Protein backbone atom coordinates (compact mmCIF):
# COMPACT_ATOMS: atom_id res chain seq x y z
CA MET A 1 -0.01 0.04 -0.03
CA GLU A 2 2.76 2.35 1.00
CA GLU A 3 4.80 1.44 -2.14
CA ASN A 4 1.67 2.27 -4.40
CA LYS A 5 1.22 5.66 -2.56
CA ASN A 6 4.86 6.61 -3.24
CA PHE A 7 4.50 5.54 -6.89
CA HIS A 8 1.49 7.83 -7.38
CA GLY A 9 3.15 10.71 -5.52
CA GLU A 10 6.25 10.53 -7.57
CA GLU A 11 4.07 10.17 -10.66
CA GLU A 12 2.10 13.35 -9.98
CA GLN A 13 5.34 15.33 -9.19
CA LEU A 14 6.80 14.27 -12.54
CA ARG A 15 3.69 15.13 -14.52
CA MET A 16 3.56 18.58 -12.90
CA GLU A 17 7.06 19.33 -14.33
CA LEU A 18 6.33 18.19 -17.93
CA PRO A 19 4.84 20.62 -20.40
CA GLU A 20 1.19 19.97 -21.56
CA ALA A 21 2.01 18.59 -24.96
CA ILE A 22 4.22 15.91 -23.41
CA ALA A 23 2.27 15.24 -20.24
CA GLN A 24 -0.83 14.37 -22.17
CA GLU A 25 1.17 11.70 -24.02
CA VAL A 26 2.37 10.03 -20.84
CA PRO A 27 0.24 7.17 -19.71
CA THR A 28 -0.64 6.90 -16.03
CA ALA A 29 -1.25 3.85 -13.92
CA GLU A 30 -5.07 4.36 -13.64
CA ALA A 31 -6.07 6.89 -16.28
CA SER A 32 -5.66 7.28 -19.96
CA PRO A 33 -4.01 10.39 -21.45
CA GLU A 34 -7.40 11.73 -22.55
CA GLU A 35 -8.77 11.62 -18.90
CA GLU A 36 -6.10 13.87 -17.50
CA ILE A 37 -5.31 17.17 -19.11
CA LEU A 38 -2.74 19.48 -17.55
CA PRO A 39 -2.81 23.42 -17.92
CA PRO A 40 -0.35 24.80 -20.50
CA ALA A 41 3.12 25.70 -19.14
CA ALA A 42 3.64 29.42 -18.52
CA GLU A 43 5.93 31.45 -20.70
CA GLY A 44 9.49 31.41 -19.28
CA GLU A 45 8.66 28.45 -17.06
CA GLN A 46 11.57 27.42 -14.82
CA LEU A 47 12.58 23.84 -14.49
CA SER A 48 11.77 23.80 -10.88
CA ILE A 49 10.11 26.15 -8.27
CA ARG A 50 12.05 25.42 -5.15
CA ILE A 51 15.49 24.77 -3.93
CA PRO A 52 16.17 20.95 -4.00
CA GLU A 53 16.92 19.16 -0.92
CA PRO A 54 20.37 17.67 -0.40
CA PRO A 55 20.69 14.11 -1.48
CA LEU A 56 19.16 11.83 1.05
CA ARG A 57 21.33 9.47 3.03
CA LYS A 58 19.68 6.10 2.95
CA LYS A 59 20.23 3.67 5.71
CA LYS A 60 23.19 1.50 4.72
CA GLY A 61 22.28 -2.17 4.76
CA LYS A 62 24.40 -5.40 4.50
CA ALA A 63 24.48 -5.21 0.72
CA HIS A 64 26.10 -1.84 0.86
CA TYR A 65 29.01 -3.11 2.98
CA ILE A 66 29.39 -6.26 0.95
CA TRP A 67 29.56 -4.35 -2.38
CA THR A 68 32.07 -1.91 -0.73
CA ALA A 69 34.19 -4.79 0.46
CA LEU A 70 34.09 -6.42 -2.96
CA PHE A 71 35.09 -3.12 -4.67
CA ILE A 72 37.95 -2.63 -2.45
CA LEU A 73 39.15 -6.28 -2.86
CA MET A 74 38.78 -5.87 -6.67
CA ASN A 75 41.08 -2.72 -6.72
CA VAL A 76 43.68 -4.48 -4.46
CA ALA A 77 43.59 -7.51 -6.75
CA VAL A 78 44.11 -5.41 -9.83
CA LEU A 79 46.92 -3.44 -8.25
CA LEU A 80 48.63 -6.62 -7.15
CA PHE A 81 48.21 -8.29 -10.64
CA THR A 82 49.69 -5.33 -12.43
CA ALA A 83 52.59 -4.98 -9.94
CA ILE A 84 53.45 -8.62 -10.19
CA SER A 85 53.17 -8.56 -13.90
CA ASP A 86 55.54 -5.61 -14.19
CA PHE A 87 58.06 -6.40 -11.56
CA GLY A 88 58.09 -10.13 -11.58
CA GLY A 89 56.50 -11.35 -14.70
CA SER A 90 58.80 -10.11 -17.43
CA ASN A 91 61.88 -11.99 -18.65
CA GLU A 92 64.10 -9.03 -17.88
CA ALA A 93 64.61 -7.99 -14.40
CA PRO A 94 63.86 -4.32 -13.54
CA ASP A 95 66.99 -2.14 -13.58
CA SER A 96 66.84 0.54 -10.98
CA LEU A 97 69.60 2.64 -12.45
CA THR A 98 68.11 2.62 -15.88
CA ALA A 99 64.69 3.53 -14.54
CA ILE A 100 66.15 6.39 -12.38
CA GLY A 101 68.04 7.57 -15.52
CA VAL A 102 64.86 7.70 -17.69
CA ILE A 103 62.93 9.56 -15.08
CA SER A 104 65.77 12.02 -14.35
CA LYS A 105 66.02 12.69 -18.09
CA ASN A 106 62.35 13.36 -18.58
CA TRP A 107 61.46 15.03 -15.21
CA TYR A 108 59.83 18.08 -16.75
CA TYR A 109 57.04 15.95 -18.34
CA ILE A 110 55.53 15.09 -15.00
CA ILE A 111 55.33 18.97 -14.51
CA PHE A 112 53.50 19.18 -17.79
CA ALA A 113 51.15 16.36 -16.71
CA VAL A 114 50.24 18.19 -13.48
CA ILE A 115 49.81 21.42 -15.40
CA ALA A 116 47.53 19.61 -17.79
CA PHE A 117 45.48 18.17 -14.90
CA ALA A 118 45.13 21.73 -13.30
CA VAL A 119 44.30 23.35 -16.65
CA GLY A 120 41.51 20.69 -16.96
CA ILE A 121 40.00 21.88 -13.59
CA LEU A 122 40.35 25.54 -14.52
CA LEU A 123 38.66 24.98 -17.92
CA GLU A 124 35.76 23.19 -16.13
CA VAL A 125 35.52 26.09 -13.60
CA GLY A 126 35.77 28.71 -16.37
CA LYS A 127 33.11 27.05 -18.39
CA LEU A 128 30.70 26.81 -15.43
CA SER A 129 31.45 30.44 -14.40
CA PHE A 130 30.96 31.66 -17.94
CA MET A 131 27.55 29.82 -18.35
CA THR A 132 26.49 30.98 -14.94
CA LYS A 133 27.33 34.66 -15.80
CA ARG A 134 25.46 34.29 -18.99
CA THR A 135 22.39 32.78 -17.33
CA THR A 136 22.31 34.76 -14.01
CA GLY A 137 24.38 37.83 -14.66
CA LYS A 138 27.02 36.83 -12.16
CA GLY A 139 30.03 34.65 -12.76
CA ARG A 140 30.37 33.47 -9.13
CA PHE A 141 33.90 32.10 -9.74
CA LYS A 142 34.52 31.01 -6.14
CA LEU A 143 31.22 29.16 -6.02
CA CYS A 144 31.95 27.54 -9.34
CA VAL A 145 35.34 26.27 -8.09
CA GLN A 146 33.59 24.58 -5.18
CA THR A 147 30.82 23.23 -7.36
CA VAL A 148 33.32 21.66 -9.97
CA LEU A 149 35.47 20.07 -7.22
CA LEU A 150 32.45 18.69 -5.39
CA GLY A 151 30.96 17.42 -8.72
CA LYS A 152 34.26 15.60 -9.57
CA TYR A 153 34.41 14.11 -6.17
CA TYR A 154 30.82 12.65 -6.34
CA ASP A 155 31.30 11.55 -9.92
CA ASN A 156 34.28 9.45 -8.94
CA ILE A 157 32.77 7.71 -6.02
CA THR A 158 29.42 6.83 -7.51
CA PRO A 159 28.72 4.20 -10.15
CA LEU A 160 28.59 5.48 -13.70
CA ALA A 161 29.42 9.07 -12.36
CA SER A 162 25.82 9.47 -11.47
CA GLY A 163 26.31 11.50 -8.25
CA GLY A 164 28.04 14.65 -9.53
CA GLN A 165 25.26 16.58 -11.38
CA PRO A 166 22.56 16.30 -8.59
CA PHE A 167 24.89 17.54 -6.02
CA GLN A 168 26.11 20.41 -8.23
CA ILE A 169 22.62 21.57 -8.75
CA TYR A 170 22.02 21.45 -4.97
CA HIS A 171 25.17 23.32 -4.14
CA LEU A 172 24.55 26.12 -6.62
CA SER A 173 20.85 26.41 -5.50
CA LYS A 174 21.66 26.65 -1.84
CA ASN A 175 24.20 29.34 -2.48
CA GLY A 176 22.03 31.98 -4.19
CA VAL A 177 21.46 30.65 -7.74
CA GLU A 178 17.88 30.00 -8.71
CA THR A 179 17.06 26.33 -8.98
CA GLY A 180 15.80 26.44 -12.58
CA LYS A 181 18.96 28.35 -13.75
CA ALA A 182 21.25 26.13 -11.72
CA THR A 183 19.58 23.06 -13.29
CA SER A 184 19.86 24.64 -16.65
CA VAL A 185 23.60 25.36 -16.29
CA ILE A 186 24.57 21.90 -14.88
CA ILE A 187 22.57 20.04 -17.41
CA SER A 188 23.88 22.05 -20.33
CA SER A 189 27.50 21.66 -19.16
CA PHE A 190 27.11 17.90 -18.78
CA PHE A 191 25.31 17.60 -22.20
CA LEU A 192 28.10 19.55 -23.98
CA ASN A 193 30.88 17.51 -22.29
CA GLN A 194 29.18 14.25 -23.38
CA LEU A 195 28.46 15.48 -26.82
CA THR A 196 32.01 16.73 -27.55
CA PHE A 197 33.45 13.47 -26.11
CA ILE A 198 31.27 11.46 -28.44
CA ILE A 199 32.23 13.58 -31.38
CA LEU A 200 35.96 13.27 -30.66
CA CYS A 201 35.57 9.54 -30.26
CA LEU A 202 33.84 9.31 -33.55
CA ALA A 203 36.64 11.41 -35.11
CA ALA A 204 39.20 8.95 -33.65
CA VAL A 205 37.24 5.93 -35.04
CA ILE A 206 36.91 7.47 -38.46
CA LEU A 207 40.77 8.30 -38.66
CA ASP A 208 41.48 4.79 -37.44
CA ALA A 209 39.16 3.14 -39.97
CA THR A 210 40.50 5.10 -42.85
CA GLY A 211 44.12 4.68 -41.90
CA VAL A 212 44.84 8.38 -41.72
CA LEU A 213 45.79 8.13 -38.02
CA SER A 214 45.96 4.63 -36.47
CA CYS A 215 47.42 4.32 -33.06
CA SER A 216 47.29 0.41 -33.16
CA ALA A 217 49.43 0.26 -36.26
CA GLU A 218 51.90 3.19 -35.47
CA ILE A 219 52.69 2.95 -31.78
CA PHE A 220 52.44 -0.75 -31.03
CA GLN A 221 54.94 -3.32 -32.32
CA GLU A 222 53.99 -6.01 -34.77
CA GLY A 223 52.80 -9.14 -32.94
CA SER A 224 52.47 -7.43 -29.58
CA ALA A 225 49.59 -8.33 -27.27
CA MET A 226 48.00 -4.87 -27.37
CA ARG A 227 48.09 -4.70 -31.19
CA THR A 228 46.73 -8.22 -31.52
CA ASN A 229 43.87 -7.53 -29.15
CA PHE A 230 43.15 -4.01 -30.30
CA GLN A 231 40.21 -5.29 -32.34
CA ILE A 232 38.48 -6.44 -29.08
CA LEU A 233 39.17 -2.89 -27.70
CA ARG A 234 37.64 -1.36 -30.79
CA ILE A 235 34.31 -3.44 -30.37
CA PHE A 236 33.91 -2.29 -26.78
CA SER A 237 34.75 1.23 -27.78
CA TYR A 238 32.11 1.24 -30.42
CA ILE A 239 29.52 -0.09 -27.88
CA GLY A 240 30.54 2.63 -25.36
CA ILE A 241 30.28 5.32 -27.98
CA ALA A 242 26.84 4.05 -29.03
CA LEU A 243 25.54 3.96 -25.46
CA GLY A 244 27.17 7.32 -24.55
CA SER A 245 25.56 8.98 -27.59
CA PHE A 246 21.95 7.99 -26.46
CA LEU A 247 21.17 11.21 -24.47
CA PRO A 248 22.75 13.67 -26.93
CA LEU A 249 21.12 12.13 -29.96
CA THR A 250 17.81 11.80 -28.21
CA VAL A 251 17.93 15.43 -27.17
CA LEU A 252 18.90 16.65 -30.64
CA LEU A 253 16.13 14.45 -32.08
CA PHE A 254 13.65 16.01 -29.67
CA PHE A 255 14.54 19.46 -31.07
CA ALA A 256 13.62 18.43 -34.61
CA PHE A 257 10.80 15.81 -33.98
CA PRO A 258 9.56 16.06 -30.39
CA ARG A 259 6.54 13.69 -30.69
CA THR A 260 8.25 11.17 -32.98
CA SER A 261 11.23 10.88 -30.70
CA LEU A 262 9.08 10.56 -27.49
CA GLY A 263 7.03 7.98 -29.31
CA MET A 264 10.20 5.91 -30.07
CA LEU A 265 11.11 6.14 -26.32
CA LYS A 266 7.71 4.92 -25.24
CA GLY A 267 7.99 1.98 -27.73
CA GLY A 268 11.39 1.02 -26.39
CA ILE A 269 10.44 1.34 -22.74
CA LYS A 270 7.36 -0.92 -23.65
CA VAL A 271 9.67 -3.50 -25.07
CA LEU A 272 11.88 -3.42 -22.00
CA HIS A 273 8.83 -3.87 -19.78
CA LYS A 274 7.87 -6.95 -21.69
CA LEU A 275 11.37 -8.22 -21.14
CA HIS A 276 10.89 -7.68 -17.41
CA LEU A 277 13.67 -5.16 -17.41
CA VAL A 278 11.43 -2.23 -16.48
CA LYS A 279 9.11 -2.55 -13.44
CA ASN A 280 6.88 0.42 -13.76
CA PRO A 281 6.68 1.57 -17.48
CA ALA A 282 4.46 4.63 -16.72
CA LEU A 283 6.79 6.02 -14.12
CA THR A 284 9.87 5.22 -16.26
CA ASN A 285 8.20 7.04 -19.19
CA MET A 286 7.83 10.18 -17.19
CA LYS A 287 11.28 9.96 -15.74
CA VAL A 288 12.85 9.64 -19.22
CA PHE A 289 10.59 12.28 -20.73
CA ARG A 290 11.47 14.80 -17.93
CA THR A 291 15.21 14.14 -18.50
CA ILE A 292 14.73 14.84 -22.27
CA VAL A 293 12.59 17.96 -21.75
CA GLN A 294 14.84 19.38 -19.04
CA SER A 295 18.04 18.83 -21.23
CA SER A 296 16.27 20.39 -24.26
CA ARG A 297 15.13 23.43 -22.28
CA SER A 298 18.57 23.75 -20.86
CA ILE A 299 20.30 23.65 -24.15
CA LYS A 300 17.73 26.08 -25.66
CA GLN A 301 18.49 28.53 -22.93
CA ILE A 302 22.19 28.45 -23.65
CA ALA A 303 21.75 28.29 -27.54
CA LYS A 304 19.85 31.65 -27.39
CA SER A 305 23.27 33.27 -27.83
CA PHE A 306 25.50 31.80 -30.50
CA TRP A 307 28.61 32.93 -28.87
CA THR A 308 27.63 31.50 -25.46
CA LEU A 309 27.09 28.13 -27.14
CA PHE A 310 30.15 28.40 -29.33
CA LEU A 311 32.55 29.32 -26.42
CA SER A 312 30.93 26.57 -24.24
CA VAL A 313 31.59 24.05 -26.78
CA LEU A 314 35.18 25.22 -27.09
CA PHE A 315 35.62 24.83 -23.30
CA SER A 316 34.31 21.18 -23.55
CA VAL A 317 36.70 20.31 -26.32
CA ALA A 318 39.58 21.80 -24.46
CA LEU A 319 38.65 19.81 -21.37
CA ASN A 320 38.90 16.56 -23.34
CA CYS A 321 42.22 17.71 -24.89
CA ALA A 322 43.58 18.28 -21.26
CA ALA A 323 42.58 14.77 -20.25
CA CYS A 324 44.41 13.33 -23.31
CA SER A 325 47.43 15.46 -22.44
CA VAL A 326 47.62 14.03 -18.92
CA THR A 327 47.95 10.55 -20.49
CA TYR A 328 50.64 11.71 -23.09
CA PHE A 329 52.82 13.57 -20.72
CA THR A 330 52.65 10.69 -18.18
CA LEU A 331 53.92 8.42 -20.75
CA ARG A 332 56.69 10.75 -21.96
CA PHE A 333 57.79 11.09 -18.25
CA PHE A 334 58.41 7.31 -18.03
CA GLY A 335 60.28 7.12 -21.35
CA TYR A 336 57.81 6.73 -24.00
CA ASP A 337 59.01 8.04 -27.38
CA ILE A 338 58.54 7.28 -31.09
CA PRO A 339 60.14 8.65 -34.23
CA ALA A 340 57.35 11.11 -34.95
CA ASN A 341 56.85 14.80 -34.56
CA GLY A 342 55.46 16.05 -31.29
CA ILE A 343 51.97 16.92 -32.66
CA LYS A 344 51.43 13.51 -34.29
CA GLU A 345 52.72 11.77 -31.27
CA TRP A 346 50.19 13.55 -29.11
CA LEU A 347 47.47 12.82 -31.57
CA LEU A 348 48.21 9.06 -31.59
CA ILE A 349 48.16 8.99 -27.76
CA SER A 350 44.96 11.08 -27.68
CA GLN A 351 43.35 8.60 -30.07
CA LEU A 352 44.33 5.64 -27.89
CA HIS A 353 43.05 7.54 -24.77
CA LEU A 354 39.65 8.07 -26.41
CA PHE A 355 39.42 4.40 -27.56
CA ILE A 356 40.18 3.14 -24.05
CA SER A 357 37.95 5.82 -22.28
CA SER A 358 34.97 4.96 -24.41
CA ALA A 359 35.49 1.18 -23.97
CA VAL A 360 35.86 1.21 -20.19
CA SER A 361 32.82 3.64 -19.86
CA LEU A 362 30.69 0.40 -19.98
CA VAL A 363 32.02 -0.61 -16.50
CA PRO A 364 29.56 0.48 -13.76
CA THR A 365 32.32 0.84 -11.08
CA PRO A 366 33.09 4.18 -9.57
CA GLY A 367 35.73 5.83 -11.75
CA THR A 368 35.51 2.64 -13.98
CA SER A 369 37.91 1.20 -11.46
CA GLY A 370 39.46 -2.17 -12.39
CA ALA A 371 38.76 -1.86 -16.15
CA ALA A 372 40.56 1.45 -16.50
CA ASP A 373 43.56 0.17 -14.45
CA LEU A 374 44.02 -3.01 -16.37
CA THR A 375 43.48 -1.55 -19.87
CA PHE A 376 45.79 1.49 -19.47
CA TYR A 377 48.35 -0.77 -17.86
CA GLY A 378 48.20 -3.08 -20.92
CA ALA A 379 48.88 -0.05 -23.21
CA PHE A 380 51.52 1.39 -20.90
CA ASN A 381 53.29 -1.99 -20.64
CA GLU A 382 53.70 -2.04 -24.50
CA LEU A 383 54.77 1.67 -24.83
CA ILE A 384 57.19 1.83 -21.91
CA LEU A 385 60.27 -0.26 -22.69
CA VAL A 386 62.01 -0.01 -19.26
CA PRO A 387 60.95 -3.01 -17.07
CA GLY A 388 59.44 -1.87 -13.83
CA LEU A 389 58.18 1.51 -14.93
CA SER A 390 54.77 0.48 -16.51
CA PHE A 391 53.11 -0.13 -13.16
CA THR A 392 54.46 3.16 -11.80
CA ALA A 393 53.27 4.95 -14.90
CA MET A 394 49.74 3.45 -14.52
CA ILE A 395 49.58 4.43 -10.88
CA THR A 396 50.82 7.92 -11.58
CA TRP A 397 48.23 8.43 -14.45
CA ARG A 398 45.52 6.96 -12.20
CA PHE A 399 46.43 9.35 -9.44
CA LEU A 400 46.19 12.29 -11.75
CA SER A 401 42.95 11.28 -13.41
CA TYR A 402 41.06 9.69 -10.54
CA TYR A 403 42.42 9.72 -6.99
CA SER A 404 43.39 13.30 -7.04
CA TYR A 405 39.73 14.31 -7.52
CA ILE A 406 38.72 12.28 -4.58
CA ILE A 407 41.49 13.82 -2.41
CA ILE A 408 40.71 17.39 -3.50
CA GLY A 409 36.97 16.82 -3.07
CA LEU A 410 37.42 15.57 0.50
CA LEU A 411 39.52 18.58 1.24
CA THR A 412 36.81 20.87 -0.20
CA LEU A 413 34.18 19.31 1.94
CA LEU A 414 36.41 19.62 4.97
CA TYR A 415 36.95 23.32 4.14
CA LEU A 416 33.27 23.99 3.72
CA SER A 417 32.42 22.04 6.94
CA VAL A 418 34.93 24.18 8.96
CA LYS A 419 33.68 27.37 7.30
CA LYS A 420 30.09 26.50 8.09
CA LYS A 421 31.03 25.92 11.84
CA LEU A 422 32.98 29.18 11.99
CA SER A 423 30.05 31.12 10.37
CA VAL A 424 27.59 30.05 13.15
CA CYS A 425 27.08 33.16 15.40
CA PRO A 426 26.55 32.95 19.14
CA SER A 427 22.92 33.91 18.72
CA GLY A 428 22.22 30.80 16.61
CA GLU A 429 22.10 32.61 13.30
CA LYS A 430 24.27 31.78 10.34
CA HIS A 431 26.30 34.47 8.70
CA ASP A 432 26.82 34.16 4.98
CA LEU A 433 30.55 35.00 4.60
CA SER A 434 30.33 35.19 0.85
CA SER A 435 27.44 37.85 0.78
CA ASP A 436 27.58 39.41 4.29
CA ARG A 437 23.91 38.51 4.74
CA THR A 438 22.55 37.04 7.98
CA THR A 439 20.36 33.97 7.30
CA ALA A 440 17.89 32.45 9.77
CA PRO A 441 18.80 29.00 11.18
CA GLY A 442 17.84 26.22 8.72
CA ARG A 443 17.26 28.56 5.84
CA SER A 444 19.50 28.54 2.74
CA PRO A 445 20.60 31.97 1.50
CA GLY A 446 19.58 30.89 -2.00
CA ALA A 447 15.90 30.60 -1.10
CA VAL A 448 13.80 32.29 -3.86
CA SER A 449 10.99 33.60 -1.45
CA ASP A 450 9.54 33.25 1.94
CA ARG A 451 6.63 31.26 0.52
CA ALA A 452 8.96 28.83 -1.23
CA PHE A 453 11.00 28.46 2.06
CA SER A 454 7.93 27.66 4.01
CA VAL A 455 6.96 24.94 1.47
CA ILE A 456 10.40 23.45 1.78
CA GLN A 457 10.18 23.48 5.58
């Protein structure tokens, strides 16, 4: 009984957020579309009318601790396997003097790798600040720094990077950005990141298929394990690209053919329901429809200005280039080199990076742990000729592309926690240090009105 009540409550909430044309097409559990007509959406309607609550902390059961233990064991097993393979599995014993000589010779490349990592964060912050300014009139750079770092943290500790965007919307909303605009900015930013990543992956696939630029043929030796198994990597990469392009293509299709695209989605969900992969098709329909409608509204908001959209896309492309550069400079630090000019060498490693990243995106572990470690180690082991450095290179790359975000995110949470405690006045009121406004206990400084605040309370 309680489950049915929760279902209908969530169903009603979702229907209220959808525009009339779409809401009428969504089936309900007890009524047909013709029996329930919603009023038309107001001009300039926001995506939401209140500040979202922080993500709820569900009570952790045994399954949570079991999966956490298995996740830790899997990571330990992968690290042990790669370490043993590198230090004890090769025919040639590691030479410490040779390894030190290689690192000493190429020391400046690790600085370039760290700079590429920092540039990636700054580009993400710059894009978010730019889009926020274009949407709200204020750049809020400091707030955007916190939002990006926290988003990266939650992306890397949740399966399929599903925790970052909800928390970013919440963090922007509770710090003075209207919820509708915060949702628009975050969804648009995520959409553009995903779209540019897919486009770059498709470019890598086309260049590889035509032979114009083929990392498998040009950087891996004939008969090597990585070159032999690269076709398997290609297949997984194609699948990852296809799944990753679902949301961008659906949103773009919705722009041109809204009813047709939503009809196709309804048909697909109906098939999944018959296969017993979807429990509540009506609720799933509305959740999917809401995601598509919110995404399309967000992109339309950004696309009102050509230069805003153009510069946001450039930011997203540069972000992906920075991630590729981290991989390239890490390899160069540990002795990778081929007889090619620097630009082509970077393009080949970037192509390899895109192939592997799209392939391991299928793995639902936080940060694609396990799959990313093994796959990149397999590539590094072929490209780094000095025994004993492949494992070290993989750990260095993994630290820059994964663990560093978790560490920086934890430090950001600690900073915000300390700041919050210091901002509590003796009278029990909270003082907003960023805007010099005093806020009543329990009320967020980003509340849109007293009436909206009373609803939340």
